[in-house]
Amino acid sequence: MAHFAKLDDNNIVIDVNVVNNSDIQDLAYPASEPVGIAFLTEWSGGYTKWKQTSYNKNFRGNFAGIGYVYDTTNDVFYAPQPFPSWTLNTTNWTWQSLIPYPNDENRYSWDETTQSWIKQ
C-alpha cells in the first residue's frame, strides 16, 4: 500500500488516501509517486495536487496527516505549530518547546502563558 497526501493551494494536507500496490505498478518510491498521482488524478476527477507520504517515515520527514504542512523547499511534511512559542526542529521536523518535557512518571500539559509544563 502507498499513501498520498491531498494538498490544498497552500500546501496544507486536506486528506490522505491509500493506493493499492497494483495501482502503482508495485513500484517503490520515488518511481511510484508519478504513477500514483496519475491514478489519483483520474480517480478524483482531475485533482492534481498530491504528494506521496511514508507511513514509516522513510521519506519526507513525517507521515502526513490532515492539517499537516508540506514544505516544498525541504520536501517534508510536518504537523501544524501547536503553540506560538514552539520552534520547528529541522533535523526531525517536529515542534519543540523551549523547555523539554519532564522525564518522570507524571503527565504534563504545556501552558503557553507561563511557557512551562504544568503537572496534571
PDB file of N, CA and C in Angstrom:
ATOM      1  N   MET A   1       0.834  -1.187   0.000  1.00  0.00           N
ATOM      2  CA  MET A   1       0.000   0.000   0.000  1.00  0.00           C
ATOM      3  C   MET A   1       0.875   1.245   0.000  1.00  0.00           C
ATOM      4  N   ALA A   2       0.435   2.232  -0.710  1.00  0.00           N
ATOM      5  CA  ALA A   2       1.112   3.530  -0.734  1.00  0.00           C
ATOM      6  C   ALA A   2       0.130   4.576  -0.231  1.00  0.00           C
ATOM      7  N   HIS A   3       0.651   5.623   0.369  1.00  0.00           N
ATOM      8  CA  HIS A   3      -0.176   6.691   0.924  1.00  0.00           C
ATOM      9  C   HIS A   3       0.154   7.993   0.211  1.00  0.00           C
ATOM     10  N   PHE A   4      -0.892   8.737  -0.103  1.00  0.00           N
ATOM     11  CA  PHE A   4      -0.733  10.005  -0.800  1.00  0.00           C
ATOM     12  C   PHE A   4      -1.523  11.090  -0.076  1.00  0.00           C
ATOM     13  N   ALA A   5      -0.856  12.215   0.145  1.00  0.00           N
ATOM     14  CA  ALA A   5      -1.498  13.374   0.770  1.00  0.00           C
ATOM     15  C   ALA A   5      -2.097  14.255  -0.316  1.00  0.00           C
ATOM     16  N   LYS A   6      -3.336  14.645  -0.106  1.00  0.00           N
ATOM     17  CA  LYS A   6      -4.009  15.596  -0.984  1.00  0.00           C
ATOM     18  C   LYS A   6      -3.770  16.982  -0.388  1.00  0.00           C
ATOM     19  N   LEU A   7      -3.218  17.889  -1.192  1.00  0.00           N
ATOM     20  CA  LEU A   7      -2.844  19.213  -0.705  1.00  0.00           C
ATOM     21  C   LEU A   7      -3.783  20.285  -1.235  1.00  0.00           C
ATOM     22  N   ASP A   8      -4.010  21.310  -0.406  1.00  0.00           N
ATOM     23  CA  ASP A   8      -4.762  22.468  -0.895  1.00  0.00           C
ATOM     24  C   ASP A   8      -3.794  23.450  -1.558  1.00  0.00           C
ATOM     25  N   ASP A   9      -4.285  24.616  -1.952  1.00  0.00           N
ATOM     26  CA  ASP A   9      -3.440  25.586  -2.654  1.00  0.00           C
ATOM     27  C   ASP A   9      -2.334  26.168  -1.778  1.00  0.00           C
ATOM     28  N   ASN A  10      -2.440  26.013  -0.445  1.00  0.00           N
ATOM     29  CA  ASN A  10      -1.414  26.497   0.480  1.00  0.00           C
ATOM     30  C   ASN A  10      -0.500  25.374   0.965  1.00  0.00           C
ATOM     31  N   ASN A  11      -0.577  24.225   0.320  1.00  0.00           N
ATOM     32  CA  ASN A  11       0.218  23.039   0.680  1.00  0.00           C
ATOM     33  C   ASN A  11      -0.096  22.515   2.076  1.00  0.00           C
ATOM     34  N   ILE A  12      -1.354  22.624   2.452  1.00  0.00           N
ATOM     35  CA  ILE A  12      -1.848  22.028   3.696  1.00  0.00           C
ATOM     36  C   ILE A  12      -2.553  20.724   3.307  1.00  0.00           C
ATOM     37  N   VAL A  13      -2.278  19.678   4.072  1.00  0.00           N
ATOM     38  CA  VAL A  13      -2.878  18.375   3.782  1.00  0.00           C
ATOM     39  C   VAL A  13      -4.370  18.414   4.131  1.00  0.00           C
ATOM     40  N   ILE A  14      -5.198  18.070   3.157  1.00  0.00           N
ATOM     41  CA  ILE A  14      -6.646  18.054   3.380  1.00  0.00           C
ATOM     42  C   ILE A  14      -7.216  16.639   3.388  1.00  0.00           C
ATOM     43  N   ASP A  15      -6.399  15.667   2.998  1.00  0.00           N
ATOM     44  CA  ASP A  15      -6.826  14.267   3.038  1.00  0.00           C
ATOM     45  C   ASP A  15      -5.602  13.392   2.792  1.00  0.00           C
ATOM     46  N   VAL A  16      -5.675  12.147   3.234  1.00  0.00           N
ATOM     47  CA  VAL A  16      -4.634  11.169   2.948  1.00  0.00           C
ATOM     48  C   VAL A  16      -5.331   9.933   2.389  1.00  0.00           C
ATOM     49  N   ASN A  17      -4.897   9.499   1.224  1.00  0.00           N
ATOM     50  CA  ASN A  17      -5.519   8.362   0.553  1.00  0.00           C
ATOM     51  C   ASN A  17      -4.544   7.204   0.427  1.00  0.00           C
ATOM     52  N   VAL A  18      -5.084   5.997   0.536  1.00  0.00           N
ATOM     53  CA  VAL A  18      -4.312   4.772   0.363  1.00  0.00           C
ATOM     54  C   VAL A  18      -4.518   4.286  -1.067  1.00  0.00           C
ATOM     55  N   VAL A  19      -3.408   3.889  -1.691  1.00  0.00           N
ATOM     56  CA  VAL A  19      -3.447   3.381  -3.066  1.00  0.00           C
ATOM     57  C   VAL A  19      -2.859   1.968  -3.055  1.00  0.00           C
ATOM     58  N   ASN A  20      -3.565   1.040  -3.673  1.00  0.00           N
ATOM     59  CA  ASN A  20      -3.082  -0.343  -3.756  1.00  0.00           C
ATOM     60  C   ASN A  20      -1.781  -0.416  -4.540  1.00  0.00           C
ATOM     61  N   ASN A  21      -0.937  -1.351  -4.154  1.00  0.00           N
ATOM     62  CA  ASN A  21       0.338  -1.537  -4.856  1.00  0.00           C
ATOM     63  C   ASN A  21       0.132  -1.808  -6.343  1.00  0.00           C
ATOM     64  N   SER A  22      -0.924  -2.534  -6.692  1.00  0.00           N
ATOM     65  CA  SER A  22      -1.178  -2.821  -8.106  1.00  0.00           C
ATOM     66  C   SER A  22      -1.467  -1.540  -8.894  1.00  0.00           C
ATOM     67  N   ASP A  23      -2.025  -0.527  -8.220  1.00  0.00           N
ATOM     68  CA  ASP A  23      -2.338   0.735  -8.893  1.00  0.00           C
ATOM     69  C   ASP A  23      -1.112   1.622  -9.076  1.00  0.00           C
ATOM     70  N   ILE A  24      -0.022   1.279  -8.377  1.00  0.00           N
ATOM     71  CA  ILE A  24       1.240   1.990  -8.595  1.00  0.00           C
ATOM     72  C   ILE A  24       2.259   1.052  -9.239  1.00  0.00           C
ATOM     73  N   GLN A  25       1.736  -0.004  -9.863  1.00  0.00           N
ATOM     74  CA  GLN A  25       2.538  -0.979 -10.612  1.00  0.00           C
ATOM     75  C   GLN A  25       3.614  -1.630  -9.737  1.00  0.00           C
ATOM     76  N   ASP A  26       3.329  -1.769  -8.443  1.00  0.00           N
ATOM     77  CA  ASP A  26       4.258  -2.378  -7.481  1.00  0.00           C
ATOM     78  C   ASP A  26       5.617  -1.678  -7.443  1.00  0.00           C
ATOM     79  N   LEU A  27       5.625  -0.410  -7.782  1.00  0.00           N
ATOM     80  CA  LEU A  27       6.866   0.365  -7.767  1.00  0.00           C
ATOM     81  C   LEU A  27       7.147   0.908  -6.370  1.00  0.00           C
ATOM     82  N   ALA A  28       8.410   1.100  -6.074  1.00  0.00           N
ATOM     83  CA  ALA A  28       8.814   1.716  -4.808  1.00  0.00           C
ATOM     84  C   ALA A  28       8.998   3.213  -5.026  1.00  0.00           C
ATOM     85  N   TYR A  29       8.910   3.966  -3.940  1.00  0.00           N
ATOM     86  CA  TYR A  29       9.187   5.402  -4.003  1.00  0.00           C
ATOM     87  C   TYR A  29      10.657   5.592  -4.383  1.00  0.00           C
ATOM     88  N   PRO A  30      11.004   6.520  -5.252  1.00  0.00           N
ATOM     89  CA  PRO A  30      10.197   7.599  -5.813  1.00  0.00           C
ATOM     90  C   PRO A  30       9.491   7.283  -7.133  1.00  0.00           C
ATOM     91  N   ALA A  31       9.801   6.142  -7.737  1.00  0.00           N
ATOM     92  CA  ALA A  31       9.177   5.800  -9.026  1.00  0.00           C
ATOM     93  C   ALA A  31       7.662   5.668  -8.907  1.00  0.00           C
ATOM     94  N   SER A  32       7.164   5.313  -7.718  1.00  0.00           N
ATOM     95  CA  SER A  32       5.724   5.120  -7.519  1.00  0.00           C
ATOM     96  C   SER A  32       4.942   6.424  -7.513  1.00  0.00           C
ATOM     97  N   GLU A  33       5.604   7.524  -7.162  1.00  0.00           N
ATOM     98  CA  GLU A  33       4.861   8.777  -6.989  1.00  0.00           C
ATOM     99  C   GLU A  33       4.156   9.267  -8.258  1.00  0.00           C
ATOM    100  N   PRO A  34       4.824   9.408  -9.393  1.00  0.00           N
ATOM    101  CA  PRO A  34       4.087   9.890 -10.575  1.00  0.00           C
ATOM    102  C   PRO A  34       2.984   8.938 -11.025  1.00  0.00           C
ATOM    103  N   VAL A  35       3.201   7.652 -10.833  1.00  0.00           N
ATOM    104  CA  VAL A  35       2.171   6.668 -11.199  1.00  0.00           C
ATOM    105  C   VAL A  35       0.968   6.818 -10.272  1.00  0.00           C
ATOM    106  N   GLY A  36       1.232   6.973  -8.980  1.00  0.00           N
ATOM    107  CA  GLY A  36       0.156   7.175  -8.004  1.00  0.00           C
ATOM    108  C   GLY A  36      -0.599   8.469  -8.231  1.00  0.00           C
ATOM    109  N   ILE A  37       0.133   9.529  -8.565  1.00  0.00           N
ATOM    110  CA  ILE A  37      -0.515  10.815  -8.838  1.00  0.00           C
ATOM    111  C   ILE A  37      -1.420  10.703 -10.060  1.00  0.00           C
ATOM    112  N   ALA A  38      -0.955  10.030 -11.092  1.00  0.00           N
ATOM    113  CA  ALA A  38      -1.787   9.837 -12.294  1.00  0.00           C
ATOM    114  C   ALA A  38      -3.047   9.051 -11.943  1.00  0.00           C
ATOM    115  N   PHE A  39      -2.881   7.988 -11.143  1.00  0.00           N
ATOM    116  CA  PHE A  39      -4.034   7.185 -10.724  1.00  0.00           C
ATOM    117  C   PHE A  39      -5.023   8.040  -9.930  1.00  0.00           C
ATOM    118  N   LEU A  40      -4.524   8.797  -8.949  1.00  0.00           N
ATOM    119  CA  LEU A  40      -5.410   9.608  -8.100  1.00  0.00           C
ATOM    120  C   LEU A  40      -6.041  10.768  -8.865  1.00  0.00           C
ATOM    121  N   THR A  41      -5.326  11.320  -9.820  1.00  0.00           N
ATOM    122  CA  THR A  41      -5.888  12.402 -10.639  1.00  0.00           C
ATOM    123  C   THR A  41      -7.102  11.893 -11.411  1.00  0.00           C
ATOM    124  N   GLU A  42      -6.969  10.721 -12.005  1.00  0.00           N
ATOM    125  CA  GLU A  42      -8.105  10.134 -12.724  1.00  0.00           C
ATOM    126  C   GLU A  42      -9.220   9.758 -11.744  1.00  0.00           C
ATOM    127  N   TRP A  43      -8.863   9.111 -10.638  1.00  0.00           N
ATOM    128  CA  TRP A  43      -9.832   8.661  -9.635  1.00  0.00           C
ATOM    129  C   TRP A  43     -10.626   9.832  -9.052  1.00  0.00           C
ATOM    130  N   SER A  44      -9.948  10.969  -8.854  1.00  0.00           N
ATOM    131  CA  SER A  44     -10.586  12.116  -8.201  1.00  0.00           C
ATOM    132  C   SER A  44     -11.307  13.047  -9.169  1.00  0.00           C
ATOM    133  N   GLY A  45     -11.269  12.734 -10.428  1.00  0.00           N
ATOM    134  CA  GLY A  45     -11.941  13.594 -11.402  1.00  0.00           C
ATOM    135  C   GLY A  45     -11.114  14.785 -11.827  1.00  0.00           C
ATOM    136  N   GLY A  46      -9.789  14.704 -11.670  1.00  0.00           N
ATOM    137  CA  GLY A  46      -8.920  15.761 -12.182  1.00  0.00           C
ATOM    138  C   GLY A  46      -8.113  16.518 -11.148  1.00  0.00           C
ATOM    139  N   TYR A  47      -8.260  16.184  -9.876  1.00  0.00           N
ATOM    140  CA  TYR A  47      -7.464  16.877  -8.848  1.00  0.00           C
ATOM    141  C   TYR A  47      -6.021  16.407  -8.955  1.00  0.00           C
ATOM    142  N   THR A  48      -5.069  17.368  -9.010  1.00  0.00           N
ATOM    143  CA  THR A  48      -3.678  17.007  -9.313  1.00  0.00           C
ATOM    144  C   THR A  48      -2.671  17.271  -8.199  1.00  0.00           C
ATOM    145  N   LYS A  49      -3.089  17.857  -7.094  1.00  0.00           N
ATOM    146  CA  LYS A  49      -2.123  18.224  -6.047  1.00  0.00           C
ATOM    147  C   LYS A  49      -1.980  17.125  -5.016  1.00  0.00           C
ATOM    148  N   TRP A  50      -1.112  16.159  -5.306  1.00  0.00           N
ATOM    149  CA  TRP A  50      -0.869  15.004  -4.454  1.00  0.00           C
ATOM    150  C   TRP A  50       0.623  14.869  -4.205  1.00  0.00           C
ATOM    151  N   LYS A  51       0.995  14.387  -3.021  1.00  0.00           N
ATOM    152  CA  LYS A  51       2.378  14.045  -2.700  1.00  0.00           C
ATOM    153  C   LYS A  51       2.372  12.731  -1.938  1.00  0.00           C
ATOM    154  N   GLN A  52       3.279  11.844  -2.305  1.00  0.00           N
ATOM    155  CA  GLN A  52       3.365  10.572  -1.593  1.00  0.00           C
ATOM    156  C   GLN A  52       3.971  10.806  -0.208  1.00  0.00           C
ATOM    157  N   THR A  53       3.475  10.059   0.773  1.00  0.00           N
ATOM    158  CA  THR A  53       3.957  10.168   2.141  1.00  0.00           C
ATOM    159  C   THR A  53       4.271   8.770   2.662  1.00  0.00           C
ATOM    160  N   SER A  54       5.181   8.692   3.604  1.00  0.00           N
ATOM    161  CA  SER A  54       5.640   7.396   4.095  1.00  0.00           C
ATOM    162  C   SER A  54       5.115   7.122   5.497  1.00  0.00           C
ATOM    163  N   TYR A  55       4.349   6.052   5.630  1.00  0.00           N
ATOM    164  CA  TYR A  55       3.819   5.630   6.932  1.00  0.00           C
ATOM    165  C   TYR A  55       4.950   5.346   7.911  1.00  0.00           C
ATOM    166  N   ASN A  56       6.066   4.842   7.406  1.00  0.00           N
ATOM    167  CA  ASN A  56       7.226   4.514   8.242  1.00  0.00           C
ATOM    168  C   ASN A  56       8.240   5.650   8.338  1.00  0.00           C
ATOM    169  N   LYS A  57       7.892   6.810   7.807  1.00  0.00           N
ATOM    170  CA  LYS A  57       8.766   7.993   7.810  1.00  0.00           C
ATOM    171  C   LYS A  57      10.079   7.740   7.079  1.00  0.00           C
ATOM    172  N   ASN A  58      10.024   6.947   6.018  1.00  0.00           N
ATOM    173  CA  ASN A  58      11.219   6.655   5.233  1.00  0.00           C
ATOM    174  C   ASN A  58      11.617   7.812   4.319  1.00  0.00           C
ATOM    175  N   PHE A  59      10.686   8.699   4.046  1.00  0.00           N
ATOM    176  CA  PHE A  59      10.969   9.881   3.235  1.00  0.00           C
ATOM    177  C   PHE A  59       9.971  10.970   3.608  1.00  0.00           C
ATOM    178  N   ARG A  60      10.334  12.211   3.304  1.00  0.00           N
ATOM    179  CA  ARG A  60       9.528  13.398   3.547  1.00  0.00           C
ATOM    180  C   ARG A  60       9.223  13.653   5.025  1.00  0.00           C
ATOM    181  N   GLY A  61      10.178  13.345   5.891  1.00  0.00           N
ATOM    182  CA  GLY A  61      10.083  13.739   7.297  1.00  0.00           C
ATOM    183  C   GLY A  61       9.104  12.953   8.126  1.00  0.00           C
ATOM    184  N   ASN A  62       7.834  13.237   8.004  1.00  0.00           N
ATOM    185  CA  ASN A  62       6.786  12.620   8.800  1.00  0.00           C
ATOM    186  C   ASN A  62       5.684  12.076   7.903  1.00  0.00           C
ATOM    187  N   PHE A  63       4.941  11.129   8.436  1.00  0.00           N
ATOM    188  CA  PHE A  63       3.745  10.680   7.743  1.00  0.00           C
ATOM    189  C   PHE A  63       2.738  11.822   7.778  1.00  0.00           C
ATOM    190  N   ALA A  64       2.222  12.185   6.635  1.00  0.00           N
ATOM    191  CA  ALA A  64       1.295  13.316   6.544  1.00  0.00           C
ATOM    192  C   ALA A  64      -0.034  13.004   7.223  1.00  0.00           C
ATOM    193  N   GLY A  65      -0.577  13.995   7.874  1.00  0.00           N
ATOM    194  CA  GLY A  65      -1.909  13.915   8.456  1.00  0.00           C
ATOM    195  C   GLY A  65      -2.701  15.132   8.050  1.00  0.00           C
ATOM    196  N   ILE A  66      -3.994  15.078   8.203  1.00  0.00           N
ATOM    197  CA  ILE A  66      -4.831  16.232   7.865  1.00  0.00           C
ATOM    198  C   ILE A  66      -4.386  17.415   8.711  1.00  0.00           C
ATOM    199  N   GLY A  67      -4.178  18.548   8.050  1.00  0.00           N
ATOM    200  CA  GLY A  67      -3.715  19.760   8.708  1.00  0.00           C
ATOM    201  C   GLY A  67      -2.207  19.933   8.672  1.00  0.00           C
ATOM    202  N   TYR A  68      -1.483  18.890   8.299  1.00  0.00           N
ATOM    203  CA  TYR A  68      -0.021  18.994   8.213  1.00  0.00           C
ATOM    204  C   TYR A  68       0.376  19.928   7.073  1.00  0.00           C
ATOM    205  N   VAL A  69       1.573  20.433   7.163  1.00  0.00           N
ATOM    206  CA  VAL A  69       2.135  21.332   6.160  1.00  0.00           C
ATOM    207  C   VAL A  69       3.080  20.528   5.270  1.00  0.00           C
ATOM    208  N   TYR A  70       2.994  20.763   3.975  1.00  0.00           N
ATOM    209  CA  TYR A  70       4.007  20.227   3.064  1.00  0.00           C
ATOM    210  C   TYR A  70       4.936  21.377   2.723  1.00  0.00           C
ATOM    211  N   ASP A  71       6.199  21.256   3.113  1.00  0.00           N
ATOM    212  CA  ASP A  71       7.218  22.265   2.872  1.00  0.00           C
ATOM    213  C   ASP A  71       7.888  21.936   1.541  1.00  0.00           C
ATOM    214  N   THR A  72       7.613  22.745   0.520  1.00  0.00           N
ATOM    215  CA  THR A  72       8.127  22.477  -0.820  1.00  0.00           C
ATOM    216  C   THR A  72       9.639  22.670  -0.916  1.00  0.00           C
ATOM    217  N   THR A  73      10.182  23.574  -0.123  1.00  0.00           N
ATOM    218  CA  THR A  73      11.623  23.832  -0.157  1.00  0.00           C
ATOM    219  C   THR A  73      12.408  22.637   0.364  1.00  0.00           C
ATOM    220  N   ASN A  74      11.945  22.072   1.474  1.00  0.00           N
ATOM    221  CA  ASN A  74      12.657  20.964   2.117  1.00  0.00           C
ATOM    222  C   ASN A  74      12.081  19.591   1.779  1.00  0.00           C
ATOM    223  N   ASP A  75      10.980  19.568   1.031  1.00  0.00           N
ATOM    224  CA  ASP A  75      10.329  18.325   0.606  1.00  0.00           C
ATOM    225  C   ASP A  75       9.979  17.435   1.803  1.00  0.00           C
ATOM    226  N   VAL A  76       9.313  18.038   2.806  1.00  0.00           N
ATOM    227  CA  VAL A  76       8.930  17.314   4.023  1.00  0.00           C
ATOM    228  C   VAL A  76       7.519  17.714   4.457  1.00  0.00           C
ATOM    229  N   PHE A  77       6.923  16.823   5.263  1.00  0.00           N
ATOM    230  CA  PHE A  77       5.665  17.116   5.939  1.00  0.00           C
ATOM    231  C   PHE A  77       5.962  17.343   7.416  1.00  0.00           C
ATOM    232  N   TYR A  78       5.236  18.284   8.021  1.00  0.00           N
ATOM    233  CA  TYR A  78       5.311  18.448   9.469  1.00  0.00           C
ATOM    234  C   TYR A  78       3.966  18.927   9.999  1.00  0.00           C
ATOM    235  N   ALA A  79       3.748  18.658  11.285  1.00  0.00           N
ATOM    236  CA  ALA A  79       2.480  18.993  11.944  1.00  0.00           C
ATOM    237  C   ALA A  79       2.310  20.509  12.050  1.00  0.00           C
ATOM    238  N   PRO A  80       1.071  20.966  12.235  1.00  0.00           N
ATOM    239  CA  PRO A  80       0.864  22.392  12.472  1.00  0.00           C
ATOM    240  C   PRO A  80       1.526  22.801  13.798  1.00  0.00           C
ATOM    241  N   GLN A  81       1.934  24.034  13.895  1.00  0.00           N
ATOM    242  CA  GLN A  81       2.582  24.530  15.115  1.00  0.00           C
ATOM    243  C   GLN A  81       1.592  24.478  16.278  1.00  0.00           C
ATOM    244  N   PRO A  82       1.919  23.738  17.354  1.00  0.00           N
ATOM    245  CA  PRO A  82       0.971  23.579  18.447  1.00  0.00           C
ATOM    246  C   PRO A  82       0.827  24.819  19.331  1.00  0.00           C
ATOM    247  N   PHE A  83       1.903  25.576  19.498  1.00  0.00           N
ATOM    248  CA  PHE A  83       1.897  26.792  20.324  1.00  0.00           C
ATOM    249  C   PHE A  83       2.827  27.814  19.683  1.00  0.00           C
ATOM    250  N   PRO A  84       2.505  29.105  19.810  1.00  0.00           N
ATOM    251  CA  PRO A  84       3.343  30.139  19.182  1.00  0.00           C
ATOM    252  C   PRO A  84       4.803  30.128  19.642  1.00  0.00           C
ATOM    253  N   SER A  85       5.071  29.703  20.861  1.00  0.00           N
ATOM    254  CA  SER A  85       6.443  29.732  21.371  1.00  0.00           C
ATOM    255  C   SER A  85       7.289  28.544  20.917  1.00  0.00           C
ATOM    256  N   TRP A  86       6.682  27.528  20.358  1.00  0.00           N
ATOM    257  CA  TRP A  86       7.428  26.327  19.963  1.00  0.00           C
ATOM    258  C   TRP A  86       8.134  26.565  18.632  1.00  0.00           C
ATOM    259  N   THR A  87       9.295  25.926  18.476  1.00  0.00           N
ATOM    260  CA  THR A  87      10.079  26.070  17.257  1.00  0.00           C
ATOM    261  C   THR A  87      10.186  24.727  16.540  1.00  0.00           C
ATOM    262  N   LEU A  88      10.353  24.822  15.253  1.00  0.00           N
ATOM    263  CA  LEU A  88      10.431  23.620  14.431  1.00  0.00           C
ATOM    264  C   LEU A  88      11.866  23.119  14.390  1.00  0.00           C
ATOM    265  N   ASN A  89      12.056  21.883  14.816  1.00  0.00           N
ATOM    266  CA  ASN A  89      13.356  21.225  14.741  1.00  0.00           C
ATOM    267  C   ASN A  89      13.494  20.690  13.318  1.00  0.00           C
ATOM    268  N   THR A  90      14.408  21.249  12.562  1.00  0.00           N
ATOM    269  CA  THR A  90      14.539  20.858  11.165  1.00  0.00           C
ATOM    270  C   THR A  90      15.438  19.634  10.968  1.00  0.00           C
ATOM    271  N   THR A  91      15.820  19.000  12.059  1.00  0.00           N
ATOM    272  CA  THR A  91      16.521  17.725  11.963  1.00  0.00           C
ATOM    273  C   THR A  91      15.516  16.583  11.867  1.00  0.00           C
ATOM    274  N   ASN A  92      14.477  16.644  12.727  1.00  0.00           N
ATOM    275  CA  ASN A  92      13.460  15.579  12.715  1.00  0.00           C
ATOM    276  C   ASN A  92      12.071  16.104  12.357  1.00  0.00           C
ATOM    277  N   TRP A  93      11.951  17.374  12.038  1.00  0.00           N
ATOM    278  CA  TRP A  93      10.704  18.000  11.595  1.00  0.00           C
ATOM    279  C   TRP A  93       9.566  17.852  12.602  1.00  0.00           C
ATOM    280  N   THR A  94       9.887  18.091  13.874  1.00  0.00           N
ATOM    281  CA  THR A  94       8.887  18.114  14.939  1.00  0.00           C
ATOM    282  C   THR A  94       9.014  19.432  15.689  1.00  0.00           C
ATOM    283  N   TRP A  95       7.913  19.828  16.321  1.00  0.00           N
ATOM    284  CA  TRP A  95       7.882  21.064  17.101  1.00  0.00           C
ATOM    285  C   TRP A  95       8.422  20.801  18.500  1.00  0.00           C
ATOM    286  N   GLN A  96       9.168  21.771  19.026  1.00  0.00           N
ATOM    287  CA  GLN A  96       9.745  21.624  20.351  1.00  0.00           C
ATOM    288  C   GLN A  96       9.494  22.861  21.197  1.00  0.00           C
ATOM    289  N   SER A  97       9.210  22.598  22.467  1.00  0.00           N
ATOM    290  CA  SER A  97       9.025  23.694  23.419  1.00  0.00           C
ATOM    291  C   SER A  97      10.383  24.225  23.850  1.00  0.00           C
ATOM    292  N   LEU A  98      10.365  25.402  24.482  1.00  0.00           N
ATOM    293  CA  LEU A  98      11.602  25.985  24.985  1.00  0.00           C
ATOM    294  C   LEU A  98      12.185  25.156  26.124  1.00  0.00           C
ATOM    295  N   ILE A  99      11.294  24.501  26.854  1.00  0.00           N
ATOM    296  CA  ILE A  99      11.685  23.682  27.997  1.00  0.00           C
ATOM    297  C   ILE A  99      11.331  22.238  27.665  1.00  0.00           C
ATOM    298  N   PRO A 100      12.283  21.323  27.791  1.00  0.00           N
ATOM    299  CA  PRO A 100      11.981  19.914  27.481  1.00  0.00           C
ATOM    300  C   PRO A 100      10.881  19.350  28.384  1.00  0.00           C
ATOM    301  N   TYR A 101      10.142  18.403  27.843  1.00  0.00           N
ATOM    302  CA  TYR A 101       9.098  17.710  28.607  1.00  0.00           C
ATOM    303  C   TYR A 101       9.764  17.006  29.789  1.00  0.00           C
ATOM    304  N   PRO A 102       9.193  17.130  30.993  1.00  0.00           N
ATOM    305  CA  PRO A 102       9.791  16.467  32.165  1.00  0.00           C
ATOM    306  C   PRO A 102       9.901  14.953  31.982  1.00  0.00           C
ATOM    307  N   ASN A 103      10.988  14.417  32.455  1.00  0.00           N
ATOM    308  CA  ASN A 103      11.262  12.994  32.296  1.00  0.00           C
ATOM    309  C   ASN A 103      10.978  12.262  33.611  1.00  0.00           C
ATOM    310  N   ASP A 104       9.692  12.100  33.907  1.00  0.00           N
ATOM    311  CA  ASP A 104       9.277  11.344  35.094  1.00  0.00           C
ATOM    312  C   ASP A 104       7.965  10.639  34.784  1.00  0.00           C
ATOM    313  N   GLU A 105       7.349  10.031  35.768  1.00  0.00           N
ATOM    314  CA  GLU A 105       6.133   9.237  35.541  1.00  0.00           C
ATOM    315  C   GLU A 105       4.859  10.078  35.487  1.00  0.00           C
ATOM    316  N   ASN A 106       4.958  11.371  35.694  1.00  0.00           N
ATOM    317  CA  ASN A 106       3.775  12.242  35.706  1.00  0.00           C
ATOM    318  C   ASN A 106       3.386  12.677  34.303  1.00  0.00           C
ATOM    319  N   ARG A 107       2.138  13.142  34.187  1.00  0.00           N
ATOM    320  CA  ARG A 107       1.641  13.704  32.926  1.00  0.00           C
ATOM    321  C   ARG A 107       1.643  15.213  33.049  1.00  0.00           C
ATOM    322  N   TYR A 108       1.964  15.885  31.935  1.00  0.00           N
ATOM    323  CA  TYR A 108       2.054  17.335  31.917  1.00  0.00           C
ATOM    324  C   TYR A 108       1.347  17.879  30.686  1.00  0.00           C
ATOM    325  N   SER A 109       0.940  19.126  30.772  1.00  0.00           N
ATOM    326  CA  SER A 109       0.427  19.841  29.606  1.00  0.00           C
ATOM    327  C   SER A 109       1.164  21.172  29.525  1.00  0.00           C
ATOM    328  N   TRP A 110       1.287  21.652  28.304  1.00  0.00           N
ATOM    329  CA  TRP A 110       2.009  22.895  28.088  1.00  0.00           C
ATOM    330  C   TRP A 110       1.110  24.084  28.390  1.00  0.00           C
ATOM    331  N   ASP A 111       1.620  25.052  29.151  1.00  0.00           N
ATOM    332  CA  ASP A 111       0.911  26.298  29.432  1.00  0.00           C
ATOM    333  C   ASP A 111       1.624  27.414  28.670  1.00  0.00           C
ATOM    334  N   GLU A 112       0.991  27.902  27.641  1.00  0.00           N
ATOM    335  CA  GLU A 112       1.617  28.909  26.793  1.00  0.00           C
ATOM    336  C   GLU A 112       1.811  30.235  27.523  1.00  0.00           C
ATOM    337  N   THR A 113       0.917  30.564  28.434  1.00  0.00           N
ATOM    338  CA  THR A 113       1.027  31.834  29.171  1.00  0.00           C
ATOM    339  C   THR A 113       2.309  31.898  29.990  1.00  0.00           C
ATOM    340  N   THR A 114       2.600  30.833  30.704  1.00  0.00           N
ATOM    341  CA  THR A 114       3.811  30.787  31.538  1.00  0.00           C
ATOM    342  C   THR A 114       4.984  30.131  30.814  1.00  0.00           C
ATOM    343  N   GLN A 115       4.710  29.585  29.660  1.00  0.00           N
ATOM    344  CA  GLN A 115       5.684  28.831  28.862  1.00  0.00           C
ATOM    345  C   GLN A 115       6.410  27.809  29.727  1.00  0.00           C
ATOM    346  N   SER A 116       5.570  26.961  30.329  1.00  0.00           N
ATOM    347  CA  SER A 116       6.097  25.901  31.193  1.00  0.00           C
ATOM    348  C   SER A 116       5.159  24.701  31.142  1.00  0.00           C
ATOM    349  N   TRP A 117       5.694  23.561  31.613  1.00  0.00           N
ATOM    350  CA  TRP A 117       4.910  22.335  31.717  1.00  0.00           C
ATOM    351  C   TRP A 117       4.184  22.334  33.050  1.00  0.00           C
ATOM    352  N   ILE A 118       2.881  22.072  33.023  1.00  0.00           N
ATOM    353  CA  ILE A 118       2.045  22.016  34.220  1.00  0.00           C
ATOM    354  C   ILE A 118       1.670  20.566  34.493  1.00  0.00           C
ATOM    355  N   LYS A 119       1.955  20.113  35.693  1.00  0.00           N
ATOM    356  CA  LYS A 119       1.639  18.753  36.090  1.00  0.00           C
ATOM    357  C   LYS A 119       0.134  18.575  36.154  1.00  0.00           C
ATOM    358  N   GLN A 120      -0.354  17.465  35.624  1.00  0.00           N
ATOM    359  CA  GLN A 120      -1.799  17.181  35.598  1.00  0.00           C
ATOM    360  C   GLN A 120      -2.239  16.416  36.821  1.00  0.00           C
TER     361      GLN A 120
END
